[in-house]
Amino acid sequence: MKATGIVRRIDDLGRVVIPKEIRRTMRIREGDPLEIYTSNDGEVVFKKYSPIGEISAYSSMYAEVLTKTGGLPVIVCDKDHVVSVAGIPKKELLERRIAPVMEDLMQNRKNIAYTDTAQERIRPVEGVDRYAVASSLIVVAGDVVGCMVFLSGDADSKANEIQIKLISVASNLLAKQLEE
């Protein structure tokens, strides 16, 4: 763990304030769920909760099937990181942070479908030269918890109608899995 040098006291209701600098660095927003762990050494650890991370085995299977059917690599993301990868080496993308533009798209509840080469492309993962071709949000109980994205290494790639429908169906199936 990384030492921050910041000390906070617990108030009379058992609350502790997570400093703004840490919230910004870790992308913790108001209302985000946190898991609380304790260790044998007496440490208390707060970790951002990812519902998609809980079912990473399912999301990996969905990504594999999508890659085989849609013909493009697929990533499954929670609101911060890539959770599953199929169609390209996992070490290239797994656990990487998503780009701020993807966070904005999720926050604004927007999907991507590049069907025209004139549209400006986005790179959904920080530091990776791959472009989003089509994406679909994973919405559970009215909340966006992540997204699925078809990727391409070519900035001129277009999504066809089948790929757009496939990514939509797969994200809805994953959302249904999370609801149960």
Protein backbone atom coordinates (compact mmCIF):
# COMPACT_ATOMS: atom_id res chain seq x y z
CA MET A 1 0.00 0.00 0.00
CA LYS A 2 1.06 3.54 -0.66
CA ALA A 3 1.44 5.86 2.34
CA THR A 4 -0.23 9.25 1.91
CA GLY A 5 0.75 11.02 5.12
CA ILE A 6 -2.86 12.13 5.60
CA VAL A 7 -4.52 11.41 8.95
CA ARG A 8 -8.27 11.59 9.57
CA ARG A 9 -10.27 10.98 12.74
CA ILE A 10 -13.48 8.98 13.00
CA ASP A 11 -16.45 11.10 14.08
CA ASP A 12 -19.06 10.14 16.71
CA LEU A 13 -21.16 8.37 14.03
CA GLY A 14 -18.23 6.19 12.90
CA ARG A 15 -17.57 8.15 9.70
CA VAL A 16 -14.25 9.06 8.21
CA VAL A 17 -13.66 11.52 5.37
CA ILE A 18 -11.59 10.27 2.45
CA PRO A 19 -9.43 13.22 1.39
CA LYS A 20 -10.30 14.92 -1.88
CA GLU A 21 -6.86 14.21 -3.33
CA ILE A 22 -7.30 10.47 -2.81
CA ARG A 23 -10.89 10.53 -4.13
CA ARG A 24 -9.72 12.35 -7.27
CA THR A 25 -6.73 10.04 -7.82
CA MET A 26 -8.80 6.90 -7.28
CA ARG A 27 -11.80 8.31 -9.19
CA ILE A 28 -14.13 7.87 -6.23
CA ARG A 29 -17.30 9.89 -6.70
CA GLU A 30 -20.16 10.67 -4.38
CA GLY A 31 -22.43 7.65 -4.17
CA ASP A 32 -19.79 5.14 -5.36
CA PRO A 33 -19.97 1.84 -3.45
CA LEU A 34 -16.85 0.85 -1.51
CA GLU A 35 -15.92 -2.57 -0.13
CA ILE A 36 -14.27 -2.60 3.29
CA TYR A 37 -11.71 -5.26 4.12
CA THR A 38 -9.67 -5.94 7.24
CA SER A 39 -6.35 -7.77 7.42
CA ASN A 40 -4.75 -9.85 10.15
CA ASP A 41 -2.32 -6.96 10.66
CA GLY A 42 -5.15 -4.65 11.74
CA GLU A 43 -5.36 -2.74 8.46
CA VAL A 44 -8.67 -1.47 7.13
CA VAL A 45 -8.78 -1.29 3.34
CA PHE A 46 -11.36 0.53 1.24
CA LYS A 47 -11.74 -0.72 -2.32
CA LYS A 48 -14.06 0.52 -5.03
CA TYR A 49 -16.78 -2.05 -5.56
CA SER A 50 -17.27 -3.29 -9.11
CA PRO A 51 -20.38 -5.39 -9.74
CA ILE A 52 -18.91 -6.47 -13.08
CA GLY A 53 -15.73 -7.56 -11.32
CA GLU A 54 -17.88 -9.93 -9.27
CA ILE A 55 -18.92 -11.79 -12.41
CA SER A 56 -15.67 -11.52 -14.38
CA ALA A 57 -15.91 -15.18 -15.41
CA TYR A 58 -19.24 -14.49 -17.14
CA SER A 59 -18.02 -11.26 -18.69
CA SER A 60 -14.97 -13.09 -20.09
CA MET A 61 -17.22 -15.73 -21.66
CA TYR A 62 -19.47 -13.06 -23.18
CA ALA A 63 -16.41 -11.25 -24.57
CA GLU A 64 -15.03 -14.48 -26.10
CA VAL A 65 -18.33 -15.26 -27.83
CA LEU A 66 -18.66 -11.67 -29.07
CA THR A 67 -15.14 -11.72 -30.51
CA LYS A 68 -15.81 -14.96 -32.39
CA THR A 69 -19.19 -13.78 -33.67
CA GLY A 70 -18.43 -10.11 -34.35
CA GLY A 71 -14.91 -10.56 -35.69
CA LEU A 72 -13.35 -7.81 -33.55
CA PRO A 73 -11.64 -7.74 -30.15
CA VAL A 74 -13.91 -6.96 -27.19
CA ILE A 75 -13.36 -5.36 -23.80
CA VAL A 76 -15.73 -5.26 -20.86
CA CYS A 77 -15.24 -2.30 -18.53
CA ASP A 78 -16.61 -1.21 -15.22
CA LYS A 79 -16.73 2.54 -14.58
CA ASP A 80 -12.94 2.75 -14.15
CA HIS A 81 -11.03 -0.25 -15.52
CA VAL A 82 -11.02 -2.96 -18.15
CA VAL A 83 -12.40 -6.10 -16.48
CA SER A 84 -12.35 -8.61 -19.38
CA VAL A 85 -10.58 -8.86 -22.73
CA ALA A 86 -11.03 -11.17 -25.72
CA GLY A 87 -9.44 -11.26 -29.15
CA ILE A 88 -6.14 -9.62 -28.19
CA PRO A 89 -3.54 -10.38 -25.51
CA LYS A 90 -5.05 -9.77 -22.07
CA LYS A 91 -1.87 -8.21 -20.69
CA GLU A 92 -2.27 -5.37 -23.20
CA LEU A 93 -5.55 -4.14 -21.70
CA LEU A 94 -6.64 -6.01 -18.57
CA GLU A 95 -6.89 -3.80 -15.46
CA ARG A 96 -5.97 -0.66 -17.41
CA ARG A 97 -7.88 2.52 -16.70
CA ILE A 98 -10.49 3.62 -19.16
CA ALA A 99 -10.04 6.99 -20.80
CA PRO A 100 -11.88 10.02 -19.39
CA VAL A 101 -13.88 10.23 -22.63
CA MET A 102 -15.33 6.76 -21.91
CA GLU A 103 -16.18 7.81 -18.37
CA ASP A 104 -18.04 10.82 -19.81
CA LEU A 105 -19.92 8.63 -22.28
CA MET A 106 -21.04 6.33 -19.46
CA GLN A 107 -21.98 9.24 -17.24
CA ASN A 108 -24.02 10.75 -20.09
CA ARG A 109 -25.48 7.34 -20.97
CA LYS A 110 -24.23 7.32 -24.56
CA ASN A 111 -23.34 4.35 -26.72
CA ILE A 112 -20.92 4.46 -29.64
CA ALA A 113 -21.53 3.20 -33.17
CA TYR A 114 -19.03 4.37 -35.78
CA THR A 115 -20.69 3.76 -39.14
CA ASP A 116 -19.00 6.58 -41.05
CA THR A 117 -15.26 7.10 -41.54
CA ALA A 118 -15.72 10.86 -41.12
CA GLN A 119 -16.70 10.48 -37.44
CA GLU A 120 -13.97 11.26 -34.93
CA ARG A 121 -12.70 8.11 -33.19
CA ILE A 122 -11.99 7.67 -29.52
CA ARG A 123 -9.46 5.55 -27.71
CA PRO A 124 -11.41 3.97 -24.85
CA VAL A 125 -8.41 2.82 -22.81
CA GLU A 126 -5.65 5.10 -21.55
CA GLY A 127 -2.31 4.58 -23.25
CA VAL A 128 -3.56 2.02 -25.80
CA ASP A 129 -3.66 2.66 -29.55
CA ARG A 130 -6.95 0.90 -30.24
CA TYR A 131 -10.17 2.59 -31.22
CA ALA A 132 -13.77 2.00 -30.20
CA VAL A 133 -15.91 0.81 -33.09
CA ALA A 134 -19.14 0.16 -31.18
CA SER A 135 -20.05 0.15 -27.51
CA SER A 136 -23.07 -0.54 -25.37
CA LEU A 137 -23.72 0.41 -21.77
CA ILE A 138 -24.36 -2.17 -19.06
CA VAL A 139 -27.29 -0.80 -17.08
CA VAL A 140 -28.44 -2.51 -13.86
CA ALA A 141 -31.46 -1.25 -11.93
CA GLY A 142 -31.25 2.04 -13.80
CA ASP A 143 -27.56 2.61 -13.01
CA VAL A 144 -24.74 2.41 -15.55
CA VAL A 145 -22.19 -0.03 -14.11
CA GLY A 146 -19.97 -0.41 -17.19
CA CYS A 147 -19.85 -1.05 -20.91
CA MET A 148 -18.81 -3.50 -23.61
CA VAL A 149 -16.73 -2.25 -26.53
CA PHE A 150 -15.71 -3.63 -29.92
CA LEU A 151 -12.15 -2.46 -30.67
CA SER A 152 -10.05 -1.95 -33.76
CA GLY A 153 -6.42 -1.06 -34.32
CA ASP A 154 -7.50 0.88 -37.41
CA ALA A 155 -8.90 4.39 -36.96
CA ASP A 156 -10.95 3.96 -40.16
CA SER A 157 -12.85 0.85 -39.04
CA LYS A 158 -16.61 1.00 -39.17
CA ALA A 159 -19.21 -0.95 -37.24
CA ASN A 160 -21.74 -2.90 -39.22
CA GLU A 161 -25.34 -3.35 -38.16
CA ILE A 162 -24.74 -6.88 -36.88
CA GLN A 163 -21.86 -5.78 -34.62
CA ILE A 164 -23.99 -2.95 -33.19
CA LYS A 165 -26.82 -5.36 -32.39
CA LEU A 166 -24.43 -8.01 -31.01
CA ILE A 167 -22.77 -5.61 -28.57
CA SER A 168 -26.18 -4.35 -27.45
CA VAL A 169 -27.57 -7.85 -26.85
CA ALA A 170 -24.44 -8.97 -25.00
CA SER A 171 -24.43 -5.94 -22.69
CA ASN A 172 -28.12 -6.48 -21.92
CA LEU A 173 -27.49 -10.17 -21.15
CA LEU A 174 -24.63 -9.23 -18.83
CA ALA A 175 -26.86 -6.65 -17.12
CA LYS A 176 -29.53 -9.31 -16.63
CA GLN A 177 -26.91 -11.61 -15.10
CA LEU A 178 -25.96 -8.87 -12.64
CA GLU A 179 -29.59 -8.29 -11.65
CA GLU A 180 -30.01 -11.92 -10.57
